[in-house]
C-alpha cells in the first residue's frame, strides 16, 4: 500500500511562474520522475541564468536538493520566504521532493534544518558530491535526469504506510484546514506525538505545516483566478480577509 501525494498536492512557487521567471531573468525546464519515484519526488527542474539573480523560495511544505557547479545545497522546510542568490551564470539542477519525501532516502530529523540551506554533509550517506560531479559532466537536462534517477533508485526505500502518512494525506486533502486535534483523533495519536512526527518528517509542526498548505492553496488560486482576494481567502478556509492578510505577512513578509 502506498500514498500517492501527486493526486493530493501540487506545490506552487511564484518564482517559477511565467511572471516570476521573467521578473528574475530565469529560464526553466521541468520534468516528472519515473515510477516509483513519482510517489516521493515532485519534479526535476533546471534553472538557467545569464547573470546573477535572486531566487525566492515560498514556503510550501516541501524540501529540495539544489545542484550547481560549486556544490550541493539542501533546502529544509521553510515557514517564511527564503532567498537563494544565484551568482554564477549557467545551469542549476534541482530535485523537488513532496512533503516528507526525503525519508525514503535517508533517516534524519528535518526539524534540525528548518529555514536553512545546508550542504550535503548533513546527509552524507546519499553521496551527493559524487552525484553533483556526474551531473555536471553532462550538458543536457534529460541526461542529467537519467543520472539522477539511477542514483535515487539505488538509494530508494519504499516505506510501509504509517499513521503519519494518513495524517499527512488528510492535511493535504483538507488544504490545511483540518484542526490538529481532529488529525490526531483520526489517526489515533496524541497531538504531541503527531507534532513530533510532523517536525521530524516535514521540518514543521503540524499547525505550521497546515497553515502553509492553506496559504499555498490561496496563493495558487490568486495566481490562477480572477476572483477577488476576499472570496479566495474565504474559499481557502480563512475566517476573513484580515486573517488571510495576516497569514501572508507572517509567511511571505508582504501584503496580500
C-alpha atoms as a PDB file:
ATOM      1  CA  UNK A   1       0.000   0.000   0.000  1.00  0.00           C
ATOM      2  CA  UNK A   2       1.284   3.494  -0.797  1.00  0.00           C
ATOM      3  CA  UNK A   3       0.151   7.111  -0.683  1.00  0.00           C
ATOM      4  CA  UNK A   4       0.145   8.977  -3.984  1.00  0.00           C
ATOM      5  CA  UNK A   5       0.705  12.584  -2.988  1.00  0.00           C
ATOM      6  CA  UNK A   6       0.674  13.720  -6.630  1.00  0.00           C
ATOM      7  CA  UNK A   7      -3.117  13.279  -6.525  1.00  0.00           C
ATOM      8  CA  UNK A   8      -3.356  15.356  -3.333  1.00  0.00           C
ATOM      9  CA  UNK A   9      -0.945  18.245  -3.666  1.00  0.00           C
ATOM     10  CA  UNK A  10       0.748  20.344  -6.334  1.00  0.00           C
ATOM     11  CA  UNK A  11       3.088  22.875  -4.672  1.00  0.00           C
ATOM     12  CA  UNK A  12       3.112  26.403  -6.069  1.00  0.00           C
ATOM     13  CA  UNK A  13       6.181  28.632  -6.432  1.00  0.00           C
ATOM     14  CA  UNK A  14       5.556  32.173  -7.758  1.00  0.00           C
ATOM     15  CA  UNK A  15       9.194  32.423  -8.866  1.00  0.00           C
ATOM     16  CA  UNK A  16       8.614  29.534 -11.283  1.00  0.00           C
ATOM     17  CA  UNK A  17       5.504  31.097 -12.823  1.00  0.00           C
ATOM     18  CA  UNK A  18       5.904  32.842 -16.179  1.00  0.00           C
ATOM     19  CA  UNK A  19       5.738  36.218 -14.477  1.00  0.00           C
ATOM     20  CA  UNK A  20       8.286  35.187 -11.834  1.00  0.00           C
ATOM     21  CA  UNK A  21      10.727  33.785 -14.376  1.00  0.00           C
ATOM     22  CA  UNK A  22      10.586  36.980 -16.417  1.00  0.00           C
ATOM     23  CA  UNK A  23      10.953  39.157 -13.317  1.00  0.00           C
ATOM     24  CA  UNK A  24      14.120  37.366 -12.162  1.00  0.00           C
ATOM     25  CA  UNK A  25      15.621  36.674 -15.589  1.00  0.00           C
ATOM     26  CA  UNK A  26      15.369  32.885 -15.270  1.00  0.00           C
ATOM     27  CA  UNK A  27      14.620  30.132 -17.769  1.00  0.00           C
ATOM     28  CA  UNK A  28      13.138  26.851 -16.558  1.00  0.00           C
ATOM     29  CA  UNK A  29      12.925  23.197 -17.547  1.00  0.00           C
ATOM     30  CA  UNK A  30      10.697  20.798 -15.587  1.00  0.00           C
ATOM     31  CA  UNK A  31      10.264  17.019 -15.757  1.00  0.00           C
ATOM     32  CA  UNK A  32       8.299  14.404 -13.858  1.00  0.00           C
ATOM     33  CA  UNK A  33      10.106  11.464 -12.217  1.00  0.00           C
ATOM     34  CA  UNK A  34       9.711   7.819 -13.133  1.00  0.00           C
ATOM     35  CA  UNK A  35       7.798   5.250 -11.110  1.00  0.00           C
ATOM     36  CA  UNK A  36       8.140   4.526  -8.199  1.00  0.00           C
ATOM     37  CA  UNK A  37       9.947   7.819  -7.529  1.00  0.00           C
ATOM     38  CA  UNK A  38       6.836   9.784  -8.522  1.00  0.00           C
ATOM     39  CA  UNK A  39       5.396   8.930  -5.109  1.00  0.00           C
ATOM     40  CA  UNK A  40       8.080  10.962  -3.325  1.00  0.00           C
ATOM     41  CA  UNK A  41       9.704  13.259  -5.924  1.00  0.00           C
ATOM     42  CA  UNK A  42       7.504  16.031  -7.307  1.00  0.00           C
ATOM     43  CA  UNK A  43       9.703  17.307 -10.144  1.00  0.00           C
ATOM     44  CA  UNK A  44      13.198  17.644 -11.510  1.00  0.00           C
ATOM     45  CA  UNK A  45      13.972  21.178 -12.531  1.00  0.00           C
ATOM     46  CA  UNK A  46      16.771  23.110 -14.141  1.00  0.00           C
ATOM     47  CA  UNK A  47      17.047  26.875 -13.896  1.00  0.00           C
ATOM     48  CA  UNK A  48      19.387  28.737 -16.235  1.00  0.00           C
ATOM     49  CA  UNK A  49      20.626  32.285 -15.737  1.00  0.00           C
ATOM     50  CA  UNK A  50      22.790  34.681 -17.732  1.00  0.00           C
ATOM     51  CA  UNK A  51      23.594  36.963 -14.815  1.00  0.00           C
ATOM     52  CA  UNK A  52      23.417  36.889 -11.031  1.00  0.00           C
ATOM     53  CA  UNK A  53      19.845  36.695  -9.772  1.00  0.00           C
ATOM     54  CA  UNK A  54      17.913  36.208  -6.527  1.00  0.00           C
ATOM     55  CA  UNK A  55      15.783  33.051  -6.324  1.00  0.00           C
ATOM     56  CA  UNK A  56      12.997  33.493  -3.733  1.00  0.00           C
ATOM     57  CA  UNK A  57      11.517  30.241  -2.388  1.00  0.00           C
ATOM     58  CA  UNK A  58       7.988  30.418  -0.984  1.00  0.00           C
ATOM     59  CA  UNK A  59       7.188  28.051   1.909  1.00  0.00           C
ATOM     60  CA  UNK A  60       5.287  25.048   0.534  1.00  0.00           C
ATOM     61  CA  UNK A  61       5.998  22.158   2.940  1.00  0.00           C
ATOM     62  CA  UNK A  62       8.449  20.505   0.533  1.00  0.00           C
ATOM     63  CA  UNK A  63      12.213  20.043   0.507  1.00  0.00           C
ATOM     64  CA  UNK A  64      14.640  20.300  -2.398  1.00  0.00           C
ATOM     65  CA  UNK A  65      18.209  19.487  -3.355  1.00  0.00           C
ATOM     66  CA  UNK A  66      19.932  22.198  -5.379  1.00  0.00           C
ATOM     67  CA  UNK A  67      22.965  21.343  -7.539  1.00  0.00           C
ATOM     68  CA  UNK A  68      25.378  23.814  -9.098  1.00  0.00           C
ATOM     69  CA  UNK A  69      28.942  23.682 -10.372  1.00  0.00           C
ATOM     70  CA  UNK A  70      30.020  24.831  -6.912  1.00  0.00           C
ATOM     71  CA  UNK A  71      28.301  22.085  -4.907  1.00  0.00           C
ATOM     72  CA  UNK A  72      25.017  20.915  -3.383  1.00  0.00           C
ATOM     73  CA  UNK A  73      22.550  22.538  -1.002  1.00  0.00           C
ATOM     74  CA  UNK A  74      19.566  21.016   0.783  1.00  0.00           C
ATOM     75  CA  UNK A  75      16.658  23.353   1.421  1.00  0.00           C
ATOM     76  CA  UNK A  76      14.899  22.494   4.654  1.00  0.00           C
ATOM     77  CA  UNK A  77      11.275  23.221   5.410  1.00  0.00           C
ATOM     78  CA  UNK A  78      10.544  26.950   5.442  1.00  0.00           C
ATOM     79  CA  UNK A  79       7.855  28.822   7.342  1.00  0.00           C
ATOM     80  CA  UNK A  80       8.673  32.088   5.568  1.00  0.00           C
ATOM     81  CA  UNK A  81      10.230  33.105   2.255  1.00  0.00           C
ATOM     82  CA  UNK A  82      13.917  32.248   1.829  1.00  0.00           C
ATOM     83  CA  UNK A  83      16.037  33.691  -0.965  1.00  0.00           C
ATOM     84  CA  UNK A  84      18.954  31.948  -2.619  1.00  0.00           C
ATOM     85  CA  UNK A  85      21.437  34.122  -4.504  1.00  0.00           C
ATOM     86  CA  UNK A  86      22.334  32.519  -7.828  1.00  0.00           C
ATOM     87  CA  UNK A  87      25.631  34.209  -8.533  1.00  0.00           C
ATOM     88  CA  UNK A  88      27.303  32.421 -11.447  1.00  0.00           C
ATOM     89  CA  UNK A  89      25.751  32.295 -14.938  1.00  0.00           C
ATOM     90  CA  UNK A  90      24.811  28.784 -16.034  1.00  0.00           C
ATOM     91  CA  UNK A  91      22.544  25.893 -15.052  1.00  0.00           C
ATOM     92  CA  UNK A  92      21.205  24.991 -11.600  1.00  0.00           C
ATOM     93  CA  UNK A  93      19.695  21.498 -11.323  1.00  0.00           C
ATOM     94  CA  UNK A  94      17.203  20.562  -8.616  1.00  0.00           C
ATOM     95  CA  UNK A  95      15.283  17.637  -7.127  1.00  0.00           C
ATOM     96  CA  UNK A  96      11.966  18.839  -5.682  1.00  0.00           C
ATOM     97  CA  UNK A  97      10.524  16.370  -3.151  1.00  0.00           C
ATOM     98  CA  UNK A  98       6.972  16.028  -1.927  1.00  0.00           C
ATOM     99  CA  UNK A  99       6.432  16.763   1.791  1.00  0.00           C
ATOM    100  CA  UNK A 100       8.216  14.068   3.836  1.00  0.00           C
ATOM    101  CA  UNK A 101       9.659  12.536   0.652  1.00  0.00           C
ATOM    102  CA  UNK A 102      13.260  12.640   1.839  1.00  0.00           C
ATOM    103  CA  UNK A 103      12.677   9.982   4.491  1.00  0.00           C
ATOM    104  CA  UNK A 104      12.582   7.394   1.697  1.00  0.00           C
ATOM    105  CA  UNK A 105      16.277   8.024   1.070  1.00  0.00           C
ATOM    106  CA  UNK A 106      17.828   8.833   4.426  1.00  0.00           C
ATOM    107  CA  UNK A 107      16.844   8.866   8.078  1.00  0.00           C
ATOM    108  CA  UNK A 108      17.339  12.255   9.659  1.00  0.00           C
ATOM    109  CA  UNK A 109      15.382  14.866  11.561  1.00  0.00           C
ATOM    110  CA  UNK A 110      14.258  17.708   9.282  1.00  0.00           C
ATOM    111  CA  UNK A 111      13.430  19.822  12.328  1.00  0.00           C
ATOM    112  CA  UNK A 112      17.189  20.401  12.655  1.00  0.00           C
ATOM    113  CA  UNK A 113      17.360  22.385   9.411  1.00  0.00           C
ATOM    114  CA  UNK A 114      14.202  24.477   9.468  1.00  0.00           C
ATOM    115  CA  UNK A 115      14.569  27.722   7.482  1.00  0.00           C
ATOM    116  CA  UNK A 116      18.065  26.828   6.280  1.00  0.00           C
ATOM    117  CA  UNK A 117      20.021  25.847   3.219  1.00  0.00           C
ATOM    118  CA  UNK A 118      22.703  23.378   4.312  1.00  0.00           C
ATOM    119  CA  UNK A 119      25.411  21.489   2.441  1.00  0.00           C
ATOM    120  CA  UNK A 120      25.456  17.803   1.567  1.00  0.00           C
ATOM    121  CA  UNK A 121      27.372  16.827   4.718  1.00  0.00           C
ATOM    122  CA  UNK A 122      24.035  16.696   6.566  1.00  0.00           C
ATOM    123  CA  UNK A 123      23.041  13.635   4.536  1.00  0.00           C
ATOM    124  CA  UNK A 124      26.477  12.294   3.593  1.00  0.00           C
ATOM    125  CA  UNK A 125      25.172   8.751   3.075  1.00  0.00           C
ATOM    126  CA  UNK A 126      23.450   9.897  -0.143  1.00  0.00           C
ATOM    127  CA  UNK A 127      26.863  10.569  -1.753  1.00  0.00           C
ATOM    128  CA  UNK A 128      25.644  13.839  -3.227  1.00  0.00           C
ATOM    129  CA  UNK A 129      29.119  15.149  -4.042  1.00  0.00           C
ATOM    130  CA  UNK A 130      29.626  12.211  -6.397  1.00  0.00           C
ATOM    131  CA  UNK A 131      26.199  12.808  -7.930  1.00  0.00           C
ATOM    132  CA  UNK A 132      26.949  16.501  -8.411  1.00  0.00           C
ATOM    133  CA  UNK A 133      30.159  15.681 -10.281  1.00  0.00           C
ATOM    134  CA  UNK A 134      28.334  13.243 -12.566  1.00  0.00           C
ATOM    135  CA  UNK A 135      25.548  15.728 -13.288  1.00  0.00           C
ATOM    136  CA  UNK A 136      27.932  18.453 -14.360  1.00  0.00           C
ATOM    137  CA  UNK A 137      29.840  16.188 -16.691  1.00  0.00           C
ATOM    138  CA  UNK A 138      26.704  16.331 -18.843  1.00  0.00           C
ATOM    139  CA  UNK A 139      25.092  19.351 -20.505  1.00  0.00           C
ATOM    140  CA  UNK A 140      21.632  18.085 -21.475  1.00  0.00           C
ATOM    141  CA  UNK A 141      18.802  18.248 -18.932  1.00  0.00           C
ATOM    142  CA  UNK A 142      17.474  14.826 -19.990  1.00  0.00           C
ATOM    143  CA  UNK A 143      20.866  13.182 -19.424  1.00  0.00           C
ATOM    144  CA  UNK A 144      21.159  14.764 -16.006  1.00  0.00           C
ATOM    145  CA  UNK A 145      17.733  13.393 -15.129  1.00  0.00           C
ATOM    146  CA  UNK A 146      18.808   9.872 -16.163  1.00  0.00           C
ATOM    147  CA  UNK A 147      21.883  10.088 -13.919  1.00  0.00           C
ATOM    148  CA  UNK A 148      19.809  11.443 -11.056  1.00  0.00           C
ATOM    149  CA  UNK A 149      17.122   8.767 -11.363  1.00  0.00           C
ATOM    150  CA  UNK A 150      19.667   5.948 -11.345  1.00  0.00           C
ATOM    151  CA  UNK A 151      21.250   7.408  -8.218  1.00  0.00           C
ATOM    152  CA  UNK A 152      17.938   7.941  -6.407  1.00  0.00           C
ATOM    153  CA  UNK A 153      16.637   4.483  -7.272  1.00  0.00           C
ATOM    154  CA  UNK A 154      19.790   2.941  -5.792  1.00  0.00           C
ATOM    155  CA  UNK A 155      19.009   4.762  -2.510  1.00  0.00           C
ATOM    156  CA  UNK A 156      15.216   4.473  -2.543  1.00  0.00           C
ATOM    157  CA  UNK A 157      13.323   2.569   0.123  1.00  0.00           C
ATOM    158  CA  UNK A 158       9.530   2.369  -0.100  1.00  0.00           C
ATOM    159  CA  UNK A 159       8.320   2.754   3.469  1.00  0.00           C
ATOM    160  CA  UNK A 160       5.192   0.996   4.640  1.00  0.00           C
ATOM    161  CA  UNK A 161       2.286   3.419   5.035  1.00  0.00           C
ATOM    162  CA  UNK A 162       2.024   4.634   8.623  1.00  0.00           C
ATOM    163  CA  UNK A 163      -0.336   6.721  10.723  1.00  0.00           C
ATOM    164  CA  UNK A 164       1.848   9.697   9.835  1.00  0.00           C
ATOM    165  CA  UNK A 165       1.141   9.166   6.117  1.00  0.00           C
ATOM    166  CA  UNK A 166      -2.561   9.090   6.936  1.00  0.00           C
ATOM    167  CA  UNK A 167      -2.303  12.356   8.869  1.00  0.00           C
ATOM    168  CA  UNK A 168      -0.237  13.983   6.116  1.00  0.00           C
ATOM    169  CA  UNK A 169      -2.697  12.923   3.429  1.00  0.00           C
ATOM    170  CA  UNK A 170      -5.605  14.279   5.498  1.00  0.00           C
ATOM    171  CA  UNK A 171      -3.840  17.629   5.931  1.00  0.00           C
ATOM    172  CA  UNK A 172      -3.257  17.845   2.184  1.00  0.00           C
ATOM    173  CA  UNK A 173      -6.764  16.714   1.253  1.00  0.00           C
ATOM    174  CA  UNK A 174      -8.241  19.363   3.526  1.00  0.00           C
ATOM    175  CA  UNK A 175      -5.909  22.035   2.086  1.00  0.00           C
ATOM    176  CA  UNK A 176      -4.520  22.709   5.540  1.00  0.00           C
ATOM    177  CA  UNK A 177      -7.889  23.324   7.156  1.00  0.00           C
ATOM    178  CA  UNK A 178      -8.062  20.221   9.377  1.00  0.00           C
ATOM    179  CA  UNK A 179      -7.517  21.037  13.052  1.00  0.00           C
ATOM    180  CA  UNK A 180      -4.580  19.388  14.825  1.00  0.00           C
ATOM    181  CA  UNK A 181      -6.878  17.739  17.352  1.00  0.00           C
ATOM    182  CA  UNK A 182      -9.026  16.330  14.553  1.00  0.00           C
ATOM    183  CA  UNK A 183      -5.984  14.901  12.748  1.00  0.00           C
ATOM    184  CA  UNK A 184      -4.653  13.284  15.915  1.00  0.00           C
ATOM    185  CA  UNK A 185      -8.033  11.719  16.699  1.00  0.00           C
ATOM    186  CA  UNK A 186      -8.406  10.350  13.175  1.00  0.00           C
ATOM    187  CA  UNK A 187      -5.005   8.626  13.228  1.00  0.00           C
ATOM    188  CA  UNK A 188      -5.116   7.535  16.878  1.00  0.00           C
ATOM    189  CA  UNK A 189      -2.109   9.503  18.133  1.00  0.00           C
ATOM    190  CA  UNK A 190      -1.844  12.217  20.738  1.00  0.00           C
ATOM    191  CA  UNK A 191      -1.458  15.727  19.375  1.00  0.00           C
ATOM    192  CA  UNK A 192       2.010  15.895  20.934  1.00  0.00           C
ATOM    193  CA  UNK A 193       3.199  12.713  19.212  1.00  0.00           C
ATOM    194  CA  UNK A 194       1.676  13.792  15.897  1.00  0.00           C
ATOM    195  CA  UNK A 195       3.537  17.084  16.218  1.00  0.00           C
ATOM    196  CA  UNK A 196       6.825  15.236  16.808  1.00  0.00           C
ATOM    197  CA  UNK A 197       6.273  13.198  13.662  1.00  0.00           C
ATOM    198  CA  UNK A 198       5.488  16.276  11.552  1.00  0.00           C
ATOM    199  CA  UNK A 199       8.589  18.037  12.860  1.00  0.00           C
ATOM    200  CA  UNK A 200      10.787  15.039  12.125  1.00  0.00           C
ATOM    201  CA  UNK A 201       9.482  14.273   8.637  1.00  0.00           C
ATOM    202  CA  UNK A 202       8.483  17.716   7.305  1.00  0.00           C
ATOM    203  CA  UNK A 203      10.556  20.044   9.478  1.00  0.00           C
ATOM    204  CA  UNK A 204       7.402  21.872  10.561  1.00  0.00           C
ATOM    205  CA  UNK A 205       4.926  21.495  13.395  1.00  0.00           C
ATOM    206  CA  UNK A 206       1.512  20.124  12.500  1.00  0.00           C
ATOM    207  CA  UNK A 207      -0.016  23.594  12.860  1.00  0.00           C
ATOM    208  CA  UNK A 208       2.690  25.355  10.814  1.00  0.00           C
ATOM    209  CA  UNK A 209       2.513  22.751   8.066  1.00  0.00           C
ATOM    210  CA  UNK A 210      -1.256  23.142   7.849  1.00  0.00           C
ATOM    211  CA  UNK A 211      -1.008  26.943   7.775  1.00  0.00           C
ATOM    212  CA  UNK A 212       1.460  26.775   4.882  1.00  0.00           C
ATOM    213  CA  UNK A 213      -0.664  24.324   2.889  1.00  0.00           C
ATOM    214  CA  UNK A 214      -3.678  26.599   3.336  1.00  0.00           C
ATOM    215  CA  UNK A 215      -1.630  29.619   2.230  1.00  0.00           C
ATOM    216  CA  UNK A 216      -0.403  27.655  -0.783  1.00  0.00           C
ATOM    217  CA  UNK A 217      -3.987  26.938  -1.792  1.00  0.00           C
ATOM    218  CA  UNK A 218      -4.952  30.604  -1.548  1.00  0.00           C
ATOM    219  CA  UNK A 219      -1.878  31.949  -3.348  1.00  0.00           C
ATOM    220  CA  UNK A 220      -2.225  29.450  -6.160  1.00  0.00           C
ATOM    221  CA  UNK A 221      -5.891  30.403  -6.566  1.00  0.00           C
ATOM    222  CA  UNK A 222      -4.970  34.105  -6.616  1.00  0.00           C
ATOM    223  CA  UNK A 223      -2.427  33.488  -9.362  1.00  0.00           C
ATOM    224  CA  UNK A 224      -4.795  31.411 -11.500  1.00  0.00           C
ATOM    225  CA  UNK A 225      -8.147  33.118 -10.951  1.00  0.00           C
ATOM    226  CA  UNK A 226      -9.739  36.498 -11.419  1.00  0.00           C
ATOM    227  CA  UNK A 227     -11.691  36.181  -8.157  1.00  0.00           C
ATOM    228  CA  UNK A 228     -11.415  38.858  -5.528  1.00  0.00           C
ATOM    229  CA  UNK A 229      -8.876  38.105  -2.815  1.00  0.00           C
ATOM    230  CA  UNK A 230     -11.600  38.151  -0.146  1.00  0.00           C
ATOM    231  CA  UNK A 231     -13.530  35.403  -1.958  1.00  0.00           C
ATOM    232  CA  UNK A 232     -10.408  33.299  -2.384  1.00  0.00           C
ATOM    233  CA  UNK A 233      -9.499  33.804   1.275  1.00  0.00           C
ATOM    234  CA  UNK A 234     -12.909  32.538   2.399  1.00  0.00           C
ATOM    235  CA  UNK A 235     -12.835  29.627  -0.079  1.00  0.00           C
ATOM    236  CA  UNK A 236      -9.396  28.642   1.241  1.00  0.00           C
ATOM    237  CA  UNK A 237     -10.610  28.423   4.827  1.00  0.00           C
ATOM    238  CA  UNK A 238      -9.614  31.809   6.287  1.00  0.00           C
ATOM    239  CA  UNK A 239     -12.059  33.455   8.669  1.00  0.00           C
ATOM    240  CA  UNK A 240     -11.997  36.703   6.713  1.00  0.00           C
ATOM    241  CA  UNK A 241      -9.703  38.820   4.550  1.00  0.00           C
ATOM    242  CA  UNK A 242      -7.855  40.188   7.592  1.00  0.00           C
ATOM    243  CA  UNK A 243      -6.967  36.631   8.639  1.00  0.00           C
ATOM    244  CA  UNK A 244      -5.599  35.971   5.137  1.00  0.00           C
ATOM    245  CA  UNK A 245      -3.605  39.230   5.100  1.00  0.00           C
ATOM    246  CA  UNK A 246      -2.065  38.329   8.470  1.00  0.00           C
ATOM    247  CA  UNK A 247      -1.010  34.906   7.138  1.00  0.00           C
ATOM    248  CA  UNK A 248       0.524  36.414   4.011  1.00  0.00           C
ATOM    249  CA  UNK A 249       2.514  38.921   6.054  1.00  0.00           C
ATOM    250  CA  UNK A 250       3.639  36.227   8.522  1.00  0.00           C
ATOM    251  CA  UNK A 251       4.846  33.685   5.946  1.00  0.00           C
ATOM    252  CA  UNK A 252       5.648  35.807   2.900  1.00  0.00           C
ATOM    253  CA  UNK A 253       6.669  39.083   4.541  1.00  0.00           C
ATOM    254  CA  UNK A 254       4.433  41.177   2.294  1.00  0.00           C
ATOM    255  CA  UNK A 255       0.906  42.481   1.924  1.00  0.00           C
ATOM    256  CA  UNK A 256      -1.796  40.409   0.221  1.00  0.00           C
END
